[in-house]
C-alpha atoms as a PDB file:
ATOM      1  CA  UNK A   1      -0.393  -0.115   0.249  1.00  0.00           C
ATOM      2  CA  UNK A   2       1.262   3.622  -0.850  1.00  0.00           C
ATOM      3  CA  UNK A   3       2.494   5.391   1.825  1.00  0.00           C
ATOM      4  CA  UNK A   4      -0.580   8.347   2.057  1.00  0.00           C
ATOM      5  CA  UNK A   5       0.915  12.454   3.136  1.00  0.00           C
ATOM      6  CA  UNK A   6      -0.370  14.242   5.852  1.00  0.00           C
ATOM      7  CA  UNK A   7      -2.857  17.075   4.784  1.00  0.00           C
ATOM      8  CA  UNK A   8      -1.073  19.081   7.820  1.00  0.00           C
ATOM      9  CA  UNK A   9       1.960  18.537   6.585  1.00  0.00           C
ATOM     10  CA  UNK A  10       1.458  19.815   2.439  1.00  0.00           C
ATOM     11  CA  UNK A  11       2.361  23.543   4.212  1.00  0.00           C
ATOM     12  CA  UNK A  12       4.869  22.850   6.247  1.00  0.00           C
ATOM     13  CA  UNK A  13       7.096  21.162   2.918  1.00  0.00           C
ATOM     14  CA  UNK A  14       6.365  24.630   1.384  1.00  0.00           C
ATOM     15  CA  UNK A  15       8.147  26.206   4.617  1.00  0.00           C
ATOM     16  CA  UNK A  16      11.069  24.232   4.569  1.00  0.00           C
ATOM     17  CA  UNK A  17      10.890  20.614   3.883  1.00  0.00           C
ATOM     18  CA  UNK A  18      13.825  19.527   6.251  1.00  0.00           C
ATOM     19  CA  UNK A  19      11.176  20.262   8.861  1.00  0.00           C
ATOM     20  CA  UNK A  20       8.738  17.343   7.929  1.00  0.00           C
ATOM     21  CA  UNK A  21      12.083  15.269   8.810  1.00  0.00           C
ATOM     22  CA  UNK A  22      12.655  16.953  12.216  1.00  0.00           C
ATOM     23  CA  UNK A  23       8.918  16.561  13.049  1.00  0.00           C
ATOM     24  CA  UNK A  24       9.123  13.029  12.409  1.00  0.00           C
ATOM     25  CA  UNK A  25      12.358  13.029  15.060  1.00  0.00           C
ATOM     26  CA  UNK A  26      10.804  14.764  17.759  1.00  0.00           C
ATOM     27  CA  UNK A  27       7.471  14.545  17.288  1.00  0.00           C
ATOM     28  CA  UNK A  28       7.503  11.319  20.194  1.00  0.00           C
ATOM     29  CA  UNK A  29       8.782  14.013  22.780  1.00  0.00           C
ATOM     30  CA  UNK A  30       7.308  16.833  24.573  1.00  0.00           C
ATOM     31  CA  UNK A  31       5.472  19.557  22.604  1.00  0.00           C
ATOM     32  CA  UNK A  32       6.946  22.195  25.190  1.00  0.00           C
ATOM     33  CA  UNK A  33      10.512  21.364  23.914  1.00  0.00           C
ATOM     34  CA  UNK A  34       9.512  22.729  20.240  1.00  0.00           C
ATOM     35  CA  UNK A  35       6.052  24.437  19.777  1.00  0.00           C
ATOM     36  CA  UNK A  36       6.180  27.980  19.575  1.00  0.00           C
ATOM     37  CA  UNK A  37       3.530  30.654  20.359  1.00  0.00           C
ATOM     38  CA  UNK A  38       2.048  30.680  16.531  1.00  0.00           C
ATOM     39  CA  UNK A  39       1.434  26.318  17.133  1.00  0.00           C
ATOM     40  CA  UNK A  40      -0.090  26.681  20.403  1.00  0.00           C
ATOM     41  CA  UNK A  41      -2.207  29.171  19.134  1.00  0.00           C
ATOM     42  CA  UNK A  42      -3.017  27.015  15.892  1.00  0.00           C
ATOM     43  CA  UNK A  43      -3.667  23.896  17.723  1.00  0.00           C
ATOM     44  CA  UNK A  44      -5.951  25.877  20.028  1.00  0.00           C
ATOM     45  CA  UNK A  45      -8.506  26.778  17.227  1.00  0.00           C
ATOM     46  CA  UNK A  46      -8.545  23.702  16.128  1.00  0.00           C
ATOM     47  CA  UNK A  47      -8.834  21.774  19.242  1.00  0.00           C
ATOM     48  CA  UNK A  48     -11.929  24.101  19.391  1.00  0.00           C
ATOM     49  CA  UNK A  49     -13.128  22.919  15.966  1.00  0.00           C
ATOM     50  CA  UNK A  50     -11.826  19.171  17.297  1.00  0.00           C
ATOM     51  CA  UNK A  51     -14.322  18.954  20.722  1.00  0.00           C
ATOM     52  CA  UNK A  52     -17.385  20.249  18.645  1.00  0.00           C
ATOM     53  CA  UNK A  53     -17.214  17.120  15.830  1.00  0.00           C
ATOM     54  CA  UNK A  54     -21.114  17.371  15.548  1.00  0.00           C
ATOM     55  CA  UNK A  55     -22.791  16.660  12.687  1.00  0.00           C
ATOM     56  CA  UNK A  56     -26.223  17.962  11.877  1.00  0.00           C
ATOM     57  CA  UNK A  57     -28.361  18.886   9.488  1.00  0.00           C
ATOM     58  CA  UNK A  58     -26.390  21.777   9.100  1.00  0.00           C
ATOM     59  CA  UNK A  59     -22.598  21.621   9.278  1.00  0.00           C
ATOM     60  CA  UNK A  60     -19.577  18.544   9.915  1.00  0.00           C
ATOM     61  CA  UNK A  61     -16.459  19.694  11.834  1.00  0.00           C
ATOM     62  CA  UNK A  62     -13.583  17.983  12.280  1.00  0.00           C
ATOM     63  CA  UNK A  63     -14.317  14.825   9.685  1.00  0.00           C
ATOM     64  CA  UNK A  64     -11.036  12.669   8.315  1.00  0.00           C
ATOM     65  CA  UNK A  65     -11.073  12.710   4.776  1.00  0.00           C
ATOM     66  CA  UNK A  66      -9.127  10.950   2.568  1.00  0.00           C
ATOM     67  CA  UNK A  67      -8.268  10.569  -1.566  1.00  0.00           C
ATOM     68  CA  UNK A  68      -7.125   7.882  -3.144  1.00  0.00           C
ATOM     69  CA  UNK A  69      -6.146   9.709  -6.197  1.00  0.00           C
ATOM     70  CA  UNK A  70      -3.691  12.194  -4.281  1.00  0.00           C
ATOM     71  CA  UNK A  71      -2.795   9.493  -1.491  1.00  0.00           C
ATOM     72  CA  UNK A  72      -3.528  12.274   1.304  1.00  0.00           C
ATOM     73  CA  UNK A  73      -5.535  11.515   4.463  1.00  0.00           C
ATOM     74  CA  UNK A  74      -6.093  14.545   7.140  1.00  0.00           C
ATOM     75  CA  UNK A  75      -9.402  16.503   8.747  1.00  0.00           C
ATOM     76  CA  UNK A  76     -11.783  19.189   7.225  1.00  0.00           C
ATOM     77  CA  UNK A  77     -12.196  22.020  10.193  1.00  0.00           C
ATOM     78  CA  UNK A  78     -16.305  22.903   9.159  1.00  0.00           C
ATOM     79  CA  UNK A  79     -18.281  21.780   6.082  1.00  0.00           C
ATOM     80  CA  UNK A  80     -21.698  24.081   6.273  1.00  0.00           C
ATOM     81  CA  UNK A  81     -23.456  21.281   4.075  1.00  0.00           C
ATOM     82  CA  UNK A  82     -26.719  23.366   2.804  1.00  0.00           C
ATOM     83  CA  UNK A  83     -24.436  26.266   1.617  1.00  0.00           C
ATOM     84  CA  UNK A  84     -22.119  23.269  -0.099  1.00  0.00           C
ATOM     85  CA  UNK A  85     -19.266  25.190   2.154  1.00  0.00           C
ATOM     86  CA  UNK A  86     -15.415  24.114   3.079  1.00  0.00           C
ATOM     87  CA  UNK A  87     -14.009  26.717   5.955  1.00  0.00           C
ATOM     88  CA  UNK A  88     -10.188  25.955   6.982  1.00  0.00           C
ATOM     89  CA  UNK A  89     -10.359  27.574  10.634  1.00  0.00           C
ATOM     90  CA  UNK A  90      -6.976  29.500  10.902  1.00  0.00           C
ATOM     91  CA  UNK A  91      -6.158  31.550  14.151  1.00  0.00           C
ATOM     92  CA  UNK A  92      -4.123  34.622  12.323  1.00  0.00           C
ATOM     93  CA  UNK A  93      -4.063  35.480   8.805  1.00  0.00           C
ATOM     94  CA  UNK A  94      -1.758  38.529   7.958  1.00  0.00           C
ATOM     95  CA  UNK A  95      -0.568  36.606   4.113  1.00  0.00           C
ATOM     96  CA  UNK A  96      -2.561  33.633   2.143  1.00  0.00           C
ATOM     97  CA  UNK A  97       0.850  31.019   1.740  1.00  0.00           C
ATOM     98  CA  UNK A  98       0.703  28.588  -0.604  1.00  0.00           C
ATOM     99  CA  UNK A  99       0.990  25.484   1.696  1.00  0.00           C
ATOM    100  CA  UNK A 100      -2.372  27.074   3.085  1.00  0.00           C
ATOM    101  CA  UNK A 101      -4.072  27.021  -0.086  1.00  0.00           C
ATOM    102  CA  UNK A 102      -2.781  23.352  -0.638  1.00  0.00           C
ATOM    103  CA  UNK A 103      -4.146  22.605   2.815  1.00  0.00           C
ATOM    104  CA  UNK A 104      -7.448  23.585   1.396  1.00  0.00           C
ATOM    105  CA  UNK A 105      -6.971  22.185  -1.814  1.00  0.00           C
ATOM    106  CA  UNK A 106      -6.851  19.068  -0.405  1.00  0.00           C
ATOM    107  CA  UNK A 107      -9.652  19.022   1.942  1.00  0.00           C
ATOM    108  CA  UNK A 108     -11.525  20.102  -1.218  1.00  0.00           C
ATOM    109  CA  UNK A 109     -10.235  17.335  -3.474  1.00  0.00           C
ATOM    110  CA  UNK A 110     -10.838  14.140  -0.991  1.00  0.00           C
ATOM    111  CA  UNK A 111     -13.905  15.732   0.117  1.00  0.00           C
ATOM    112  CA  UNK A 112     -15.239  16.239  -3.406  1.00  0.00           C
ATOM    113  CA  UNK A 113     -13.924  12.265  -4.700  1.00  0.00           C
ATOM    114  CA  UNK A 114     -15.882  11.352  -1.400  1.00  0.00           C
ATOM    115  CA  UNK A 115     -19.347  12.041  -3.125  1.00  0.00           C
ATOM    116  CA  UNK A 116     -19.365  15.831  -1.082  1.00  0.00           C
ATOM    117  CA  UNK A 117     -20.475  18.278  -3.191  1.00  0.00           C
ATOM    118  CA  UNK A 118     -18.602  22.071  -2.420  1.00  0.00           C
ATOM    119  CA  UNK A 119     -19.143  24.666  -4.393  1.00  0.00           C
ATOM    120  CA  UNK A 120     -17.401  27.441  -2.249  1.00  0.00           C
ATOM    121  CA  UNK A 121     -14.021  27.530   0.010  1.00  0.00           C
ATOM    122  CA  UNK A 122     -12.870  29.909   2.499  1.00  0.00           C
ATOM    123  CA  UNK A 123     -10.311  30.429   6.018  1.00  0.00           C
ATOM    124  CA  UNK A 124     -11.781  31.882   8.588  1.00  0.00           C
ATOM    125  CA  UNK A 125      -9.868  33.957  10.779  1.00  0.00           C
ATOM    126  CA  UNK A 126     -10.685  33.660  14.070  1.00  0.00           C
ATOM    127  CA  UNK A 127      -8.634  36.635  15.396  1.00  0.00           C
ATOM    128  CA  UNK A 128     -10.651  38.846  13.284  1.00  0.00           C
ATOM    129  CA  UNK A 129     -13.891  37.089  12.847  1.00  0.00           C
ATOM    130  CA  UNK A 130     -13.296  37.141   9.306  1.00  0.00           C
ATOM    131  CA  UNK A 131     -13.468  35.208   5.957  1.00  0.00           C
ATOM    132  CA  UNK A 132     -11.707  34.521   3.056  1.00  0.00           C
ATOM    133  CA  UNK A 133     -13.177  33.263   0.076  1.00  0.00           C
ATOM    134  CA  UNK A 134     -10.388  30.899  -1.841  1.00  0.00           C
ATOM    135  CA  UNK A 135     -12.073  30.249  -5.485  1.00  0.00           C
ATOM    136  CA  UNK A 136     -12.506  27.110  -6.301  1.00  0.00           C
ATOM    137  CA  UNK A 137      -9.265  25.342  -8.337  1.00  0.00           C
ATOM    138  CA  UNK A 138      -9.430  24.676 -11.762  1.00  0.00           C
ATOM    139  CA  UNK A 139      -8.609  22.127 -13.804  1.00  0.00           C
ATOM    140  CA  UNK A 140      -4.484  23.874 -14.242  1.00  0.00           C
ATOM    141  CA  UNK A 141      -4.591  23.834 -10.377  1.00  0.00           C
ATOM    142  CA  UNK A 142      -5.867  20.170  -9.507  1.00  0.00           C
ATOM    143  CA  UNK A 143      -2.694  19.739 -12.288  1.00  0.00           C
ATOM    144  CA  UNK A 144      -0.308  22.505 -10.352  1.00  0.00           C
ATOM    145  CA  UNK A 145      -1.318  20.394  -6.743  1.00  0.00           C
ATOM    146  CA  UNK A 146      -0.773  16.827  -8.458  1.00  0.00           C
ATOM    147  CA  UNK A 147       2.523  17.793  -9.328  1.00  0.00           C
ATOM    148  CA  UNK A 148       3.162  19.234  -5.882  1.00  0.00           C
ATOM    149  CA  UNK A 149       2.062  16.061  -4.469  1.00  0.00           C
ATOM    150  CA  UNK A 150       4.771  14.618  -6.408  1.00  0.00           C
ATOM    151  CA  UNK A 151       7.476  17.200  -5.210  1.00  0.00           C
ATOM    152  CA  UNK A 152       6.453  15.781  -1.663  1.00  0.00           C
ATOM    153  CA  UNK A 153       6.831  11.838  -2.017  1.00  0.00           C
ATOM    154  CA  UNK A 154      10.042  12.515  -4.020  1.00  0.00           C
ATOM    155  CA  UNK A 155      12.173  15.144  -1.586  1.00  0.00           C
ATOM    156  CA  UNK A 156      15.317  13.720  -0.164  1.00  0.00           C
ATOM    157  CA  UNK A 157      16.628  14.866   2.931  1.00  0.00           C
ATOM    158  CA  UNK A 158      19.485  14.662   1.816  1.00  0.00           C
ATOM    159  CA  UNK A 159      19.489  17.639  -0.932  1.00  0.00           C
ATOM    160  CA  UNK A 160      21.169  20.625  -0.624  1.00  0.00           C
ATOM    161  CA  UNK A 161      18.487  23.032   1.223  1.00  0.00           C
ATOM    162  CA  UNK A 162      18.289  26.570   0.565  1.00  0.00           C
ATOM    163  CA  UNK A 163      17.976  28.161   4.207  1.00  0.00           C
ATOM    164  CA  UNK A 164      15.773  30.995   4.062  1.00  0.00           C
ATOM    165  CA  UNK A 165      17.263  33.094   7.234  1.00  0.00           C
ATOM    166  CA  UNK A 166      13.802  34.910   7.819  1.00  0.00           C
ATOM    167  CA  UNK A 167      12.358  31.232   7.526  1.00  0.00           C
ATOM    168  CA  UNK A 168      14.599  29.564   9.640  1.00  0.00           C
ATOM    169  CA  UNK A 169      14.259  31.936  12.846  1.00  0.00           C
ATOM    170  CA  UNK A 170      10.498  31.355  12.481  1.00  0.00           C
ATOM    171  CA  UNK A 171      11.179  27.773  12.381  1.00  0.00           C
ATOM    172  CA  UNK A 172      10.107  25.626  15.630  1.00  0.00           C
ATOM    173  CA  UNK A 173      12.476  23.328  15.366  1.00  0.00           C
ATOM    174  CA  UNK A 174      15.875  25.656  14.186  1.00  0.00           C
ATOM    175  CA  UNK A 175      17.504  25.447  17.359  1.00  0.00           C
ATOM    176  CA  UNK A 176      17.204  21.326  17.028  1.00  0.00           C
ATOM    177  CA  UNK A 177      18.113  22.086  13.888  1.00  0.00           C
ATOM    178  CA  UNK A 178      21.149  20.182  12.571  1.00  0.00           C
ATOM    179  CA  UNK A 179      21.415  22.207   8.876  1.00  0.00           C
ATOM    180  CA  UNK A 180      21.497  25.890  10.286  1.00  0.00           C
ATOM    181  CA  UNK A 181      22.986  27.717  13.790  1.00  0.00           C
ATOM    182  CA  UNK A 182      20.351  30.014  14.133  1.00  0.00           C
ATOM    183  CA  UNK A 183      18.201  31.165  17.012  1.00  0.00           C
ATOM    184  CA  UNK A 184      14.781  31.124  16.326  1.00  0.00           C
ATOM    185  CA  UNK A 185      12.603  33.886  17.273  1.00  0.00           C
ATOM    186  CA  UNK A 186      10.229  32.012  20.115  1.00  0.00           C
ATOM    187  CA  UNK A 187      13.068  31.421  22.470  1.00  0.00           C
END
């Protein structure tokens, strides 16, 4: 059986492919060792959705989703059935990054493959109580996503990594990374 990628790892891969390796190395350790304020806030945002885990006539929360076509799996935040509307919650979004878009597209493709009808996508920014609409992926977007998944699956952690000091200092694994000597901004 082919390995399935976690939807959450898609944004991490764009931020730094090596961070996925570090996550797997440290995932069985105490999270306080590496988690920073942004991750704690994000976890709290998802905890409130996960705690609800409701399914009623209007919405489904924290649904596990999977796509055999893309070999990805994960969870959605909220799907409003009556509005055919998929929403990903984020604590704060000063800027929308491609990895976040890929996460939402991944949820969309999983749900479509599972038989759900989705007509609208959005991010919900918790800190501002703001909905940020995102276009449904086009055929070209789907092909871009397919190529991105292929890139993630073919990644070799031993290859040369282009480090970006601005990204590194904001990486929760920065102080644990064997590839840099930067200190992160959260210490």
